[in-house]
């Protein structure tokens, strides 16, 4: 927004901080329980998307509630916001948590650790969204009600003694040259688009029939694709196309794939490798096996 009062930069930053706190809490709990270590960057990537999505839902519900109840107190506004946003946030978080916890059944230890950490982080993300971010919404609302600048939180506005302030001052401290710190804002253009154009377009009976047919084709293609999936990974896909690893795997598959797996001998007892006699015995054993 152009208004220096209604600009919600700090609110958006706190939404990202909420996701970061969830990652820290997840890692703290999992390391306390001595779980396997997972990469924090991998955990933060999906969590940031869901956390920011929940943030947008909360902000949109708060703004809608503010328009409905312009003179209501903060408690009723927050209650109205949670009544509209909490259900969506809960369902999306629950499905994500179930998806990642189901992924802990895999046989791959790295994938299992990633799903465990990320699923736990989603739980903390939900808790912080419902508590920490709700409190930030209230504080931001009080800042707007007090006509305070979004960056410095200092009170701004024009009174009788400041009526001669320049347009540049008003633009920097208020957000417009009109010298009104609390101008009413119209409906968001995105809301107008979905209400006036997108909604009526998809309620047309022919469009609804087309959507059903497209979804049926998508569902059929998805079922066919699931039948073609095989578990495993081609190690060539982990390297760049010009990597020296690609010719190695090609040659290995061409010349050595018919010999089966490699044979390895493991010595389970304690061995004194510093003893020269023991080392010669191990080398002699290896030569006999060859």
Foldseek 3Di string as FASTA:
>chain_A
DLFQLPDAPVLLVVLLVLLVVLLVVLVVVCVVVVADDADSVLLSVVSSVLSSVLSVLLVVQLVVLCVVCVPDDPVVSLVSSCVRRVVVNVVVLVVLLVVLCVQLPDPDSRSNRSSSSNSSSSVSSSVCCSPVSSVVVSVSVVLSVQCAGNPPSHHDADDPVRPPPQQVVCCVRQRGSPRGNDDDDDDDPVVCCCVVPVVVVCVPPVNVVVVVVVVVVVVVVVVVVVVVDDDDDDVVVVDDPPDPVVVVVVVCCVPPVVVDDDDDDDDPDDFDPVDPVRVVVVVVVVVVVD
